[in-house]
Protein backbone atom coordinates (compact mmCIF):
# COMPACT_ATOMS: atom_id res chain seq x y z
CA UNK A 1 62.31 -32.54 54.76
CA UNK A 2 59.64 -34.56 53.14
CA UNK A 3 56.82 -32.44 53.04
CA UNK A 4 59.58 -29.78 51.59
CA UNK A 5 60.56 -32.04 48.68
CA UNK A 6 56.39 -33.12 48.08
CA UNK A 7 56.00 -29.50 48.10
CA UNK A 8 58.48 -28.62 45.52
CA UNK A 9 56.89 -31.63 43.26
CA UNK A 10 53.25 -30.55 43.72
CA UNK A 11 54.45 -27.25 42.50
CA UNK A 12 56.09 -28.35 39.60
CA UNK A 13 53.11 -30.43 38.18
CA UNK A 14 51.32 -27.43 38.87
CA UNK A 15 53.49 -25.53 36.79
CA UNK A 16 53.41 -28.45 33.96
CA UNK A 17 49.61 -28.23 34.08
CA UNK A 18 49.72 -23.90 34.00
CA UNK A 19 51.84 -24.61 30.74
CA UNK A 20 49.81 -27.33 29.34
CA UNK A 21 46.39 -25.27 29.74
CA UNK A 22 48.47 -22.16 28.34
CA UNK A 23 49.24 -23.89 25.15
CA UNK A 24 45.72 -24.66 24.45
CA UNK A 25 44.41 -20.93 25.06
CA UNK A 26 47.08 -19.39 22.45
CA UNK A 27 44.37 -19.47 19.24
CA UNK A 28 43.09 -16.90 22.18
CA UNK A 29 45.86 -15.06 22.83
CA UNK A 30 46.51 -11.42 20.96
CA UNK A 31 48.71 -11.94 17.89
CA UNK A 32 50.40 -8.68 19.05
CA UNK A 33 51.59 -10.57 22.29
CA UNK A 34 52.57 -13.44 20.93
CA UNK A 35 54.38 -11.81 18.33
CA UNK A 36 55.69 -9.82 21.51
CA UNK A 37 57.24 -13.10 23.08
CA UNK A 38 58.37 -14.70 19.56
CA UNK A 39 61.00 -11.77 19.22
CA UNK A 40 63.50 -14.20 21.22
CA UNK A 41 62.89 -16.80 18.71
CA UNK A 42 62.85 -15.44 15.14
CA UNK A 43 65.20 -13.29 13.66
CA UNK A 44 63.04 -10.90 12.18
CA UNK A 45 60.67 -10.49 9.21
CA UNK A 46 63.91 -8.95 6.79
CA UNK A 47 66.81 -10.70 5.42
CA UNK A 48 68.69 -8.12 6.96
CA UNK A 49 67.64 -8.69 10.45
CA UNK A 50 68.59 -12.59 9.90
CA UNK A 51 71.93 -11.21 8.36
CA UNK A 52 72.52 -9.31 11.70
CA UNK A 53 71.71 -11.83 13.63
CA UNK A 54 73.77 -14.40 12.16
CA UNK A 55 76.64 -12.13 12.15
CA UNK A 56 76.32 -11.89 16.55
CA UNK A 57 76.20 -15.39 16.77
CA UNK A 58 79.18 -15.93 14.88
CA UNK A 59 81.40 -14.04 16.55
CA UNK A 60 80.34 -15.57 19.54
CA UNK A 61 81.68 -18.77 17.60
CA UNK A 62 78.75 -20.32 16.78
CA UNK A 63 77.45 -21.74 13.24
CA UNK A 64 74.14 -20.63 11.95
CA UNK A 65 71.41 -22.44 9.93
CA UNK A 66 68.87 -19.69 7.98
CA UNK A 67 65.83 -20.70 7.71
CA UNK A 68 62.60 -18.90 5.39
CA UNK A 69 59.37 -19.08 7.43
CA UNK A 70 56.45 -20.65 5.54
CA UNK A 71 55.39 -23.91 4.90
CA UNK A 72 52.70 -25.29 2.21
CA UNK A 73 51.90 -23.37 -0.70
CA UNK A 74 49.05 -23.44 -3.38
CA UNK A 75 50.32 -22.94 -6.50
CA UNK A 76 54.32 -23.28 -7.96
CA UNK A 77 53.92 -19.23 -8.36
CA UNK A 78 54.44 -19.03 -4.42
CA UNK A 79 57.02 -21.99 -4.60
CA UNK A 80 59.06 -20.07 -7.16
CA UNK A 81 58.94 -16.78 -5.06
CA UNK A 82 60.12 -18.97 -1.97
CA UNK A 83 62.84 -20.66 -4.22
CA UNK A 84 64.34 -16.97 -5.41
CA UNK A 85 64.25 -15.99 -1.04
CA UNK A 86 66.60 -18.97 -0.09
CA UNK A 87 68.52 -18.21 -3.55
CA UNK A 88 68.89 -14.50 -2.12
CA UNK A 89 69.78 -16.13 1.35
CA UNK A 90 72.38 -17.83 -0.35
CA UNK A 91 74.18 -14.43 -2.11
CA UNK A 92 74.05 -12.70 1.87
CA UNK A 93 75.74 -15.53 2.82
CA UNK A 94 78.63 -15.38 0.04
CA UNK A 95 78.83 -11.71 0.39
CA UNK A 96 78.64 -11.33 4.25
CA UNK A 97 81.42 -14.08 4.39
CA UNK A 98 78.95 -16.18 7.12
CA UNK A 99 79.37 -19.23 8.87
CA UNK A 100 75.39 -20.28 7.56
CA UNK A 101 73.71 -22.83 5.53
CA UNK A 102 70.31 -23.27 4.37
CA UNK A 103 67.09 -25.22 5.48
CA UNK A 104 64.43 -25.53 3.11
CA UNK A 105 60.89 -26.78 3.48
CA UNK A 106 59.40 -29.05 0.08
CA UNK A 107 56.07 -28.17 1.02
CA UNK A 108 56.96 -24.56 0.83
CA UNK A 109 58.68 -25.42 -2.82
CA UNK A 110 55.58 -27.18 -3.80
CA UNK A 111 55.78 -30.75 -2.45
CA UNK A 112 52.10 -31.09 -2.63
CA UNK A 113 51.23 -29.22 -5.89
CA UNK A 114 53.64 -30.99 -8.40
CA UNK A 115 56.57 -32.86 -6.96
CA UNK A 116 57.98 -32.66 -10.29
CA UNK A 117 58.50 -28.88 -10.05
CA UNK A 118 59.20 -29.04 -6.51
CA UNK A 119 62.12 -30.99 -7.12
CA UNK A 120 63.60 -29.14 -10.04
CA UNK A 121 63.16 -25.68 -7.68
CA UNK A 122 65.21 -27.80 -4.49
CA UNK A 123 68.31 -28.27 -7.57
CA UNK A 124 68.26 -25.02 -8.42
CA UNK A 125 68.51 -24.24 -4.55
CA UNK A 126 71.34 -26.73 -4.29
CA UNK A 127 73.32 -25.75 -7.50
CA UNK A 128 73.37 -21.96 -6.16
CA UNK A 129 74.31 -23.07 -3.12
CA UNK A 130 77.47 -25.10 -4.74
CA UNK A 131 79.02 -22.05 -6.21
CA UNK A 132 80.32 -21.56 -2.70
CA UNK A 133 80.50 -25.00 -1.23
CA UNK A 134 77.73 -24.25 0.55
CA UNK A 135 74.75 -26.82 1.93
CA UNK A 136 70.74 -27.10 2.32
CA UNK A 137 68.91 -29.52 4.55
CA UNK A 138 65.55 -30.92 3.55
CA UNK A 139 63.55 -30.33 6.69
CA UNK A 140 60.96 -33.05 7.64
CA UNK A 141 57.45 -32.11 7.77
CA UNK A 142 54.20 -33.55 9.08
CA UNK A 143 53.19 -36.95 8.36
CA UNK A 144 51.77 -36.05 4.46
CA UNK A 145 55.35 -35.16 3.79
CA UNK A 146 57.16 -37.81 5.22
CA UNK A 147 57.34 -40.46 2.54
CA UNK A 148 57.91 -37.73 -0.02
CA UNK A 149 60.35 -35.79 1.35
CA UNK A 150 62.65 -39.12 1.71
CA UNK A 151 62.18 -40.08 -1.63
CA UNK A 152 62.57 -36.33 -3.06
CA UNK A 153 66.48 -36.64 -0.54
CA UNK A 154 67.22 -39.97 -2.29
CA UNK A 155 66.59 -39.11 -5.36
CA UNK A 156 68.66 -35.35 -4.91
CA UNK A 157 71.35 -37.56 -2.25
CA UNK A 158 72.43 -39.31 -5.81
CA UNK A 159 74.25 -36.19 -8.32
CA UNK A 160 74.31 -33.61 -4.70
CA UNK A 161 76.97 -34.15 -2.59
CA UNK A 162 75.45 -30.91 -0.39
CA UNK A 163 72.07 -31.82 0.61
CA UNK A 164 70.93 -33.25 4.08
CA UNK A 165 67.59 -34.40 5.45
CA UNK A 166 66.03 -33.95 8.94
CA UNK A 167 64.76 -37.63 10.52
CA UNK A 168 62.03 -37.38 13.51
CA UNK A 169 62.35 -39.80 16.46
CA UNK A 170 58.90 -39.61 17.69
CA UNK A 171 57.77 -41.57 14.24
CA UNK A 172 58.42 -44.81 14.34
CA UNK A 173 59.31 -45.39 10.56
CA UNK A 174 62.50 -43.58 11.23
CA UNK A 175 64.28 -46.75 12.39
CA UNK A 176 63.65 -48.34 9.12
CA UNK A 177 64.34 -44.72 7.06
CA UNK A 178 67.56 -44.64 8.67
CA UNK A 179 68.63 -48.21 7.51
CA UNK A 180 67.59 -47.14 3.69
CA UNK A 181 70.19 -44.04 3.51
CA UNK A 182 73.61 -44.38 1.78
CA UNK A 183 75.30 -43.33 5.15
CA UNK A 184 78.65 -43.46 4.15
CA UNK A 185 78.41 -39.62 2.73
CA UNK A 186 74.83 -38.97 4.15
CA UNK A 187 73.94 -35.58 6.32
CA UNK A 188 71.35 -36.38 8.37
CA UNK A 189 69.84 -34.27 11.14
CA UNK A 190 68.00 -36.40 14.12
CA UNK A 191 65.28 -34.34 16.09
CA UNK A 192 62.46 -34.93 18.02
CA UNK A 193 59.48 -33.61 15.89
CA UNK A 194 56.85 -31.41 16.62
CA UNK A 195 54.06 -31.82 14.04
CA UNK A 196 51.76 -33.32 16.84
CA UNK A 197 48.44 -31.04 15.06
CA UNK A 198 46.71 -34.02 14.35
CA UNK A 199 47.10 -36.96 16.86
CA UNK A 200 44.17 -38.84 14.95
CA UNK A 201 46.54 -39.16 11.88
CA UNK A 202 49.54 -40.57 14.02
CA UNK A 203 47.86 -43.29 15.83
CA UNK A 204 50.50 -46.39 15.62
CA UNK A 205 52.90 -44.17 13.55
CA UNK A 206 54.37 -42.04 16.37
CA UNK A 207 55.20 -41.84 20.00
CA UNK A 208 53.19 -39.39 22.34
CA UNK A 209 55.13 -39.34 25.19
CA UNK A 210 58.31 -36.85 24.28
CA UNK A 211 60.08 -38.53 27.29
CA UNK A 212 59.92 -41.87 26.05
CA UNK A 213 61.48 -40.44 22.65
CA UNK A 214 64.67 -40.02 24.40
CA UNK A 215 65.89 -43.82 24.62
CA UNK A 216 64.99 -44.11 20.55
CA UNK A 217 66.84 -40.82 19.90
CA UNK A 218 70.04 -41.80 21.22
CA UNK A 219 69.70 -44.89 19.57
CA UNK A 220 69.23 -43.29 16.10
CA UNK A 221 72.42 -41.29 16.57
CA UNK A 222 74.03 -44.07 17.17
CA UNK A 223 73.45 -45.96 14.11
CA UNK A 224 74.08 -42.99 12.18
CA UNK A 225 77.19 -42.75 14.03
CA UNK A 226 78.89 -46.30 13.11
CA UNK A 227 77.64 -45.76 9.74
CA UNK A 228 79.48 -42.79 9.00
CA UNK A 229 77.18 -40.50 8.31
CA UNK A 230 77.49 -36.03 9.71
CA UNK A 231 75.29 -36.28 12.19
CA UNK A 232 73.39 -32.96 13.40
CA UNK A 233 71.89 -33.54 16.86
CA UNK A 234 69.04 -31.08 17.41
CA UNK A 235 67.40 -30.94 20.59
CA UNK A 236 67.47 -28.85 23.51
CA UNK A 237 66.30 -31.78 26.40
CA UNK A 238 69.68 -31.39 28.59
CA UNK A 239 68.93 -35.01 29.85
CA UNK A 240 69.59 -36.42 26.29
CA UNK A 241 72.11 -33.51 25.02
CA UNK A 242 74.15 -35.26 28.60
CA UNK A 243 73.72 -38.42 27.19
CA UNK A 244 74.87 -38.04 23.89
CA UNK A 245 78.00 -36.78 25.30
CA UNK A 246 78.47 -39.56 27.45
CA UNK A 247 78.36 -41.80 23.75
CA UNK A 248 80.85 -39.53 22.17
CA UNK A 249 83.25 -40.11 25.14
CA UNK A 250 82.62 -43.86 25.17
CA UNK A 251 82.86 -44.68 21.57
CA UNK A 252 85.43 -41.89 21.06
CA UNK A 253 83.35 -40.43 18.13
CA UNK A 254 85.39 -37.85 16.04
CA UNK A 255 83.97 -34.24 16.81
CA UNK A 256 84.07 -33.42 13.30
CA UNK A 257 81.75 -35.84 12.58
CA UNK A 258 78.79 -34.36 14.55
CA UNK A 259 77.41 -31.27 15.66
CA UNK A 260 75.01 -30.28 18.25
CA UNK A 261 71.97 -27.91 16.57
CA UNK A 262 69.81 -25.67 18.83
CA UNK A 263 66.85 -22.66 17.93
CA UNK A 264 67.33 -19.50 18.63
CA UNK A 265 66.86 -17.88 21.67
CA UNK A 266 66.29 -21.36 23.61
CA UNK A 267 67.66 -22.66 26.17
CA UNK A 268 71.24 -20.32 25.67
CA UNK A 269 73.14 -21.74 28.84
CA UNK A 270 72.86 -25.16 27.53
CA UNK A 271 73.51 -23.81 24.22
CA UNK A 272 76.87 -21.74 25.52
CA UNK A 273 77.98 -24.99 28.01
CA UNK A 274 78.00 -27.08 24.54
CA UNK A 275 80.37 -24.60 22.71
CA UNK A 276 82.43 -24.39 25.78
CA UNK A 277 83.33 -27.81 25.87
CA UNK A 278 84.52 -27.53 22.35
CA UNK A 279 81.84 -29.09 20.75
CA UNK A 280 80.60 -27.57 17.23
CA UNK A 281 76.77 -25.94 18.14
CA UNK A 282 74.51 -24.02 15.15
CA UNK A 283 71.90 -22.44 15.57
CA UNK A 284 68.86 -22.42 13.87
CA UNK A 285 67.81 -19.35 12.71
CA UNK A 286 64.38 -18.08 11.38
CA UNK A 287 63.21 -14.89 9.55
CA UNK A 288 59.92 -14.14 7.59
CA UNK A 289 56.61 -13.37 8.01
CA UNK A 290 55.01 -16.24 8.88
CA UNK A 291 56.14 -15.66 12.69
CA UNK A 292 52.82 -16.50 13.88
CA UNK A 293 52.58 -20.23 12.68
CA UNK A 294 56.16 -21.31 13.64
CA UNK A 295 55.71 -19.76 17.43
CA UNK A 296 52.12 -21.48 18.02
CA UNK A 297 53.93 -24.93 16.86
CA UNK A 298 56.99 -24.01 19.06
CA UNK A 299 54.83 -23.75 21.99
CA UNK A 300 53.05 -26.62 20.97
CA UNK A 301 56.56 -28.59 21.48
CA UNK A 302 57.22 -26.51 24.27
CA UNK A 303 54.52 -25.55 26.28
CA UNK A 304 56.50 -23.90 29.13
CA UNK A 305 56.76 -20.82 26.24
CA UNK A 306 53.02 -20.91 26.92
CA UNK A 307 53.16 -20.19 30.20
CA UNK A 308 55.61 -17.27 29.51
CA UNK A 309 53.28 -16.07 26.91
CA UNK A 310 49.85 -16.12 29.59
CA UNK A 311 52.29 -14.31 32.44
CA UNK A 312 53.40 -11.47 29.90
CA UNK A 313 49.65 -11.24 29.36
CA UNK A 314 48.40 -10.55 33.23
CA UNK A 315 51.62 -8.68 33.54
CA UNK A 316 50.54 -6.08 30.59
């Protein structure tokens, strides 16, 4: 029995090593193959395809967040185009009566080009969303954007009640950031965070061991519960989800004050189990032309996806 247990341990360890090496090899794999695998996680390049996926999810009982792929722009003209696309998404949500909201990336709206212009564009989007009592969450990006995005959120929230903010548990500063939010009416998404592209810039700022993030993640969620904020719990970690469920039961948290949030195509059995338990579950549905950038970021977050890509290449 010991030998069998040890055999599985070694096999599991080898698989993790294989996946990690596979993730490092992703830049050398043909784009066409990455694109094929990414179809599970991305609704498509067009808004029409994204609408179809959201309709399917709504029919199953899930709500959705629509996200336009694409990050940092280099000009305000590009930012204007992105803002117009977000407003098209809001129009589509209204026309098709979707149970969906949107997630916006400030860097795609010119945050690093002109902060004042970016704020004007975000206000335009929030005003469009408010016409249908809809909502937008500000995605948190890499550390070069963190403070700018928190400051942007603080300014917007003072005059808009339909804006939320994502915070990353892997950043050590999140304890302080949560403490400064006006929680009673805030909407906060807690996620682990995936922007690890430049580890040198994160020394002393972030936790690189993803398993070590879990206790902090739970602490952040608990603090938000106690403060009265609405919490989006964004994770696919089964152990972490189980701990959150225990916390909710123990603290008798009103289920209308939080929801679980998961990515399209990821951990669907867990997603279905949570819905079956009566929890609100929101699926993040990305679409657009920047499928490769999105896919590679997700692979870095979850190297097992890279293992599937490598295997598919050899099967081919």
